Amino acid sequence: MEKIKELTEDQLTEITKSGRVVLEFSANWCPDCRFLDPFLPEIEKDFSNAKFYQIDRDGSMDVAKKLMIMGIPSFVVYQDGKEIGRLVNKDRKTKDEVENFLRSLD
């Protein structure tokens, strides 16, 4: 999973323009985000058709605000440049919840 400290709108357009892209908005200080860390490699492997990016929400606040992401961890999924789904709230998420969300987009 590629980590992006400061995501700009131009970068967002570039990384989401083709294929399936999963953005996980997160922060180092967020315990619910760190809870997911051990599962992320498995989730990425289970959904190998997608490219995953971990976005530092605090360093990417302009994009986070534009996408209305205030609670973390949050996931936004794009297909060929269009947003197709989001799991956006401040609640702790389990591996199963994330995988069920990603499966629901197919």
N, C-alpha and C. Protein backbone atom coordinates (compact mmCIF):
# COMPACT_ATOMS: atom_id res chain seq x y z
N MET A 1 0.85 -1.18 0.00
CA MET A 1 0.00 0.00 0.00
C MET A 1 0.89 1.23 0.00
N GLU A 2 0.65 2.07 -0.97
CA GLU A 2 1.42 3.31 -1.04
C GLU A 2 0.84 4.32 -0.05
N LYS A 3 1.74 5.03 0.65
CA LYS A 3 1.31 6.05 1.61
C LYS A 3 1.55 7.42 1.02
N ILE A 4 0.56 8.29 1.16
CA ILE A 4 0.67 9.66 0.66
C ILE A 4 0.44 10.61 1.82
N LYS A 5 1.46 11.40 2.12
CA LYS A 5 1.40 12.33 3.25
C LYS A 5 0.55 13.56 2.93
N GLU A 6 0.74 14.11 1.72
CA GLU A 6 0.00 15.31 1.32
C GLU A 6 -0.59 15.09 -0.06
N LEU A 7 -1.87 14.76 -0.11
CA LEU A 7 -2.56 14.51 -1.37
C LEU A 7 -3.17 15.81 -1.89
N THR A 8 -2.83 16.17 -3.12
CA THR A 8 -3.41 17.36 -3.75
C THR A 8 -4.57 16.91 -4.66
N GLU A 9 -5.37 17.87 -5.09
CA GLU A 9 -6.47 17.55 -6.00
C GLU A 9 -5.95 17.00 -7.32
N ASP A 10 -4.84 17.55 -7.80
CA ASP A 10 -4.24 17.05 -9.04
C ASP A 10 -3.79 15.60 -8.89
N GLN A 11 -3.15 15.29 -7.76
CA GLN A 11 -2.71 13.91 -7.50
C GLN A 11 -3.92 12.99 -7.42
N LEU A 12 -4.97 13.44 -6.74
CA LEU A 12 -6.19 12.63 -6.62
C LEU A 12 -6.72 12.27 -8.00
N THR A 13 -6.79 13.25 -8.88
CA THR A 13 -7.26 13.01 -10.24
C THR A 13 -6.36 12.01 -10.95
N GLU A 14 -5.06 12.17 -10.78
CA GLU A 14 -4.09 11.30 -11.46
C GLU A 14 -4.17 9.84 -10.97
N ILE A 15 -4.20 9.64 -9.65
CA ILE A 15 -4.15 8.27 -9.14
C ILE A 15 -5.48 7.53 -9.28
N THR A 16 -6.57 8.27 -9.47
CA THR A 16 -7.88 7.61 -9.57
C THR A 16 -8.40 7.50 -11.00
N LYS A 17 -7.62 7.94 -11.98
CA LYS A 17 -8.16 8.05 -13.35
C LYS A 17 -8.42 6.72 -14.05
N SER A 18 -7.71 5.66 -13.65
CA SER A 18 -7.99 4.38 -14.32
C SER A 18 -7.93 3.23 -13.34
N GLY A 19 -8.83 2.26 -13.57
CA GLY A 19 -8.87 1.08 -12.71
C GLY A 19 -9.60 1.34 -11.41
N ARG A 20 -9.53 0.34 -10.54
CA ARG A 20 -10.15 0.42 -9.21
C ARG A 20 -9.10 0.93 -8.23
N VAL A 21 -9.46 1.98 -7.50
CA VAL A 21 -8.54 2.60 -6.54
C VAL A 21 -9.27 2.74 -5.20
N VAL A 22 -8.61 2.28 -4.13
CA VAL A 22 -9.15 2.39 -2.79
C VAL A 22 -8.28 3.35 -1.99
N LEU A 23 -8.89 4.43 -1.50
CA LEU A 23 -8.19 5.39 -0.66
C LEU A 23 -8.62 5.17 0.78
N GLU A 24 -7.63 4.97 1.65
CA GLU A 24 -7.92 4.90 3.09
C GLU A 24 -7.40 6.17 3.72
N PHE A 25 -8.30 6.99 4.23
CA PHE A 25 -7.91 8.21 4.94
C PHE A 25 -7.68 7.84 6.40
N SER A 26 -6.52 8.26 6.90
CA SER A 26 -6.04 7.80 8.18
C SER A 26 -5.19 8.90 8.82
N ALA A 27 -4.72 8.65 10.05
CA ALA A 27 -3.77 9.55 10.71
C ALA A 27 -2.97 8.74 11.72
N ASN A 28 -1.72 9.14 11.91
CA ASN A 28 -0.84 8.41 12.83
C ASN A 28 -1.38 8.37 14.25
N TRP A 29 -2.05 9.42 14.69
CA TRP A 29 -2.52 9.52 16.07
C TRP A 29 -3.84 8.79 16.32
N CYS A 30 -4.45 8.24 15.28
CA CYS A 30 -5.80 7.67 15.34
C CYS A 30 -5.76 6.19 15.76
N PRO A 31 -6.21 5.84 16.98
CA PRO A 31 -6.14 4.44 17.42
C PRO A 31 -7.02 3.51 16.58
N ASP A 32 -8.18 4.00 16.11
CA ASP A 32 -9.04 3.15 15.29
C ASP A 32 -8.41 2.88 13.92
N CYS A 33 -7.60 3.83 13.44
CA CYS A 33 -6.87 3.62 12.18
C CYS A 33 -5.77 2.57 12.39
N ARG A 34 -5.05 2.68 13.48
CA ARG A 34 -3.97 1.74 13.77
C ARG A 34 -4.51 0.33 14.01
N PHE A 35 -5.74 0.23 14.51
CA PHE A 35 -6.39 -1.07 14.71
C PHE A 35 -6.45 -1.85 13.40
N LEU A 36 -6.68 -1.15 12.29
CA LEU A 36 -6.80 -1.79 10.97
C LEU A 36 -5.46 -2.18 10.36
N ASP A 37 -4.38 -1.54 10.79
CA ASP A 37 -3.07 -1.73 10.15
C ASP A 37 -2.69 -3.20 9.93
N PRO A 38 -2.85 -4.08 10.93
CA PRO A 38 -2.44 -5.47 10.70
C PRO A 38 -3.24 -6.18 9.61
N PHE A 39 -4.46 -5.71 9.34
CA PHE A 39 -5.32 -6.37 8.36
C PHE A 39 -5.18 -5.81 6.95
N LEU A 40 -4.62 -4.63 6.82
CA LEU A 40 -4.56 -3.98 5.50
C LEU A 40 -3.83 -4.80 4.45
N PRO A 41 -2.68 -5.43 4.76
CA PRO A 41 -2.04 -6.26 3.73
C PRO A 41 -2.93 -7.41 3.26
N GLU A 42 -3.69 -8.02 4.17
CA GLU A 42 -4.60 -9.10 3.78
C GLU A 42 -5.74 -8.57 2.91
N ILE A 43 -6.29 -7.42 3.28
CA ILE A 43 -7.37 -6.82 2.49
C ILE A 43 -6.85 -6.49 1.10
N GLU A 44 -5.66 -5.92 1.04
CA GLU A 44 -5.07 -5.57 -0.25
C GLU A 44 -4.85 -6.82 -1.11
N LYS A 45 -4.43 -7.91 -0.47
CA LYS A 45 -4.22 -9.18 -1.19
C LYS A 45 -5.55 -9.76 -1.68
N ASP A 46 -6.58 -9.69 -0.82
CA ASP A 46 -7.89 -10.23 -1.17
C ASP A 46 -8.56 -9.45 -2.31
N PHE A 47 -8.16 -8.19 -2.48
CA PHE A 47 -8.73 -7.35 -3.53
C PHE A 47 -7.60 -6.85 -4.44
N SER A 48 -6.90 -7.82 -5.00
CA SER A 48 -5.69 -7.52 -5.78
C SER A 48 -6.00 -6.80 -7.09
N ASN A 49 -7.28 -6.72 -7.45
CA ASN A 49 -7.66 -5.98 -8.66
C ASN A 49 -7.67 -4.46 -8.42
N ALA A 50 -7.45 -4.04 -7.17
CA ALA A 50 -7.49 -2.62 -6.82
C ALA A 50 -6.11 -2.14 -6.39
N LYS A 51 -5.88 -0.86 -6.58
CA LYS A 51 -4.66 -0.20 -6.08
C LYS A 51 -5.06 0.53 -4.81
N PHE A 52 -4.30 0.30 -3.73
CA PHE A 52 -4.61 0.88 -2.43
C PHE A 52 -3.64 2.00 -2.08
N TYR A 53 -4.19 3.08 -1.52
CA TYR A 53 -3.39 4.19 -1.04
C TYR A 53 -3.85 4.54 0.37
N GLN A 54 -2.87 4.77 1.25
CA GLN A 54 -3.18 5.26 2.59
C GLN A 54 -2.87 6.75 2.59
N ILE A 55 -3.90 7.56 2.84
CA ILE A 55 -3.79 9.01 2.76
C ILE A 55 -3.76 9.59 4.17
N ASP A 56 -2.74 10.41 4.46
CA ASP A 56 -2.69 11.11 5.74
C ASP A 56 -3.74 12.22 5.70
N ARG A 57 -4.80 12.04 6.45
CA ARG A 57 -5.91 13.00 6.43
C ARG A 57 -5.43 14.38 6.86
N ASP A 58 -4.57 14.45 7.89
CA ASP A 58 -4.13 15.75 8.40
C ASP A 58 -3.27 16.50 7.39
N GLY A 59 -2.46 15.79 6.63
CA GLY A 59 -1.62 16.42 5.62
C GLY A 59 -2.35 16.69 4.32
N SER A 60 -3.56 16.16 4.21
CA SER A 60 -4.35 16.26 2.98
C SER A 60 -5.72 16.88 3.27
N MET A 61 -5.73 17.85 4.17
CA MET A 61 -7.00 18.39 4.67
C MET A 61 -7.85 19.03 3.58
N ASP A 62 -7.24 19.69 2.59
CA ASP A 62 -8.04 20.32 1.54
C ASP A 62 -8.84 19.27 0.77
N VAL A 63 -8.18 18.17 0.40
CA VAL A 63 -8.87 17.09 -0.32
C VAL A 63 -9.88 16.41 0.59
N ALA A 64 -9.50 16.19 1.85
CA ALA A 64 -10.43 15.55 2.80
C ALA A 64 -11.69 16.39 2.97
N LYS A 65 -11.53 17.71 3.06
CA LYS A 65 -12.70 18.58 3.19
C LYS A 65 -13.55 18.53 1.93
N LYS A 66 -12.90 18.57 0.77
CA LYS A 66 -13.64 18.52 -0.50
C LYS A 66 -14.45 17.23 -0.60
N LEU A 67 -13.86 16.12 -0.12
CA LEU A 67 -14.54 14.83 -0.16
C LEU A 67 -15.44 14.61 1.06
N MET A 68 -15.50 15.61 1.95
CA MET A 68 -16.30 15.56 3.17
C MET A 68 -15.92 14.39 4.07
N ILE A 69 -14.61 14.23 4.27
CA ILE A 69 -14.09 13.19 5.14
C ILE A 69 -13.57 13.84 6.41
N MET A 70 -14.33 13.70 7.48
CA MET A 70 -13.91 14.24 8.76
C MET A 70 -13.60 13.09 9.73
N GLY A 71 -14.39 12.05 9.68
CA GLY A 71 -14.14 10.90 10.54
C GLY A 71 -13.15 9.95 9.88
N ILE A 72 -12.28 9.38 10.68
CA ILE A 72 -11.31 8.41 10.17
C ILE A 72 -11.27 7.21 11.10
N PRO A 73 -10.91 6.03 10.61
CA PRO A 73 -10.51 5.72 9.24
C PRO A 73 -11.71 5.71 8.30
N SER A 74 -11.49 6.18 7.08
CA SER A 74 -12.54 6.19 6.07
C SER A 74 -11.99 5.72 4.75
N PHE A 75 -12.84 5.06 3.98
CA PHE A 75 -12.45 4.51 2.68
C PHE A 75 -13.31 5.14 1.59
N VAL A 76 -12.65 5.54 0.50
CA VAL A 76 -13.34 6.04 -0.69
C VAL A 76 -12.80 5.23 -1.87
N VAL A 77 -13.72 4.70 -2.68
CA VAL A 77 -13.33 3.83 -3.79
C VAL A 77 -13.71 4.48 -5.11
N TYR A 78 -12.75 4.45 -6.04
CA TYR A 78 -12.95 4.99 -7.39
C TYR A 78 -12.81 3.88 -8.41
N GLN A 79 -13.55 4.02 -9.50
CA GLN A 79 -13.40 3.15 -10.66
C GLN A 79 -13.30 4.06 -11.87
N ASP A 80 -12.14 4.01 -12.53
CA ASP A 80 -11.92 4.81 -13.75
C ASP A 80 -12.30 6.28 -13.56
N GLY A 81 -11.84 6.85 -12.45
CA GLY A 81 -12.03 8.28 -12.22
C GLY A 81 -13.32 8.69 -11.55
N LYS A 82 -14.24 7.75 -11.34
CA LYS A 82 -15.52 8.07 -10.71
C LYS A 82 -15.61 7.41 -9.35
N GLU A 83 -16.09 8.16 -8.37
CA GLU A 83 -16.31 7.57 -7.05
C GLU A 83 -17.47 6.59 -7.15
N ILE A 84 -17.24 5.37 -6.64
CA ILE A 84 -18.30 4.35 -6.70
C ILE A 84 -18.77 3.90 -5.32
N GLY A 85 -18.08 4.34 -4.26
CA GLY A 85 -18.52 3.95 -2.93
C GLY A 85 -17.67 4.56 -1.85
N ARG A 86 -18.24 4.65 -0.67
CA ARG A 86 -17.48 5.17 0.46
C ARG A 86 -17.97 4.55 1.77
N LEU A 87 -17.01 4.33 2.63
CA LEU A 87 -17.26 3.87 3.99
C LEU A 87 -16.63 4.95 4.85
N VAL A 88 -17.42 5.99 5.11
CA VAL A 88 -16.90 7.20 5.74
C VAL A 88 -17.64 7.45 7.04
N ASN A 89 -16.92 7.24 8.14
CA ASN A 89 -17.43 7.58 9.47
C ASN A 89 -16.26 7.49 10.44
N LYS A 90 -16.51 7.79 11.68
CA LYS A 90 -15.43 7.79 12.67
C LYS A 90 -15.35 6.48 13.45
N ASP A 91 -16.16 5.51 13.09
CA ASP A 91 -16.22 4.26 13.85
C ASP A 91 -15.04 3.35 13.52
N ARG A 92 -14.64 2.57 14.52
CA ARG A 92 -13.63 1.52 14.29
C ARG A 92 -14.21 0.51 13.32
N LYS A 93 -13.38 0.08 12.38
CA LYS A 93 -13.83 -0.87 11.38
C LYS A 93 -13.03 -2.17 11.50
N THR A 94 -13.71 -3.27 11.28
CA THR A 94 -13.04 -4.57 11.31
C THR A 94 -12.65 -4.95 9.89
N LYS A 95 -11.80 -5.96 9.79
CA LYS A 95 -11.41 -6.49 8.47
C LYS A 95 -12.65 -6.93 7.71
N ASP A 96 -13.57 -7.63 8.37
CA ASP A 96 -14.79 -8.11 7.72
C ASP A 96 -15.65 -6.96 7.21
N GLU A 97 -15.79 -5.92 8.00
CA GLU A 97 -16.59 -4.77 7.57
C GLU A 97 -16.01 -4.13 6.31
N VAL A 98 -14.69 -3.96 6.29
CA VAL A 98 -14.04 -3.35 5.13
C VAL A 98 -14.18 -4.26 3.91
N GLU A 99 -13.95 -5.55 4.09
CA GLU A 99 -14.04 -6.48 2.96
C GLU A 99 -15.49 -6.60 2.46
N ASN A 100 -16.46 -6.61 3.35
CA ASN A 100 -17.87 -6.67 2.93
C ASN A 100 -18.23 -5.41 2.14
N PHE A 101 -17.74 -4.26 2.60
CA PHE A 101 -17.96 -3.01 1.87
C PHE A 101 -17.36 -3.09 0.47
N LEU A 102 -16.10 -3.55 0.36
CA LEU A 102 -15.44 -3.63 -0.94
C LEU A 102 -16.15 -4.63 -1.86
N ARG A 103 -16.62 -5.76 -1.31
CA ARG A 103 -17.35 -6.74 -2.11
C ARG A 103 -18.67 -6.16 -2.62
N SER A 104 -19.29 -5.30 -1.83
CA SER A 104 -20.60 -4.75 -2.21
C SER A 104 -20.51 -3.84 -3.44
N LEU A 105 -19.31 -3.45 -3.83
CA LEU A 105 -19.13 -2.54 -4.97
C LEU A 105 -19.03 -3.26 -6.30
N ASP A 106 -18.93 -4.59 -6.25
CA ASP A 106 -18.80 -5.35 -7.50
C ASP A 106 -20.14 -5.69 -8.12
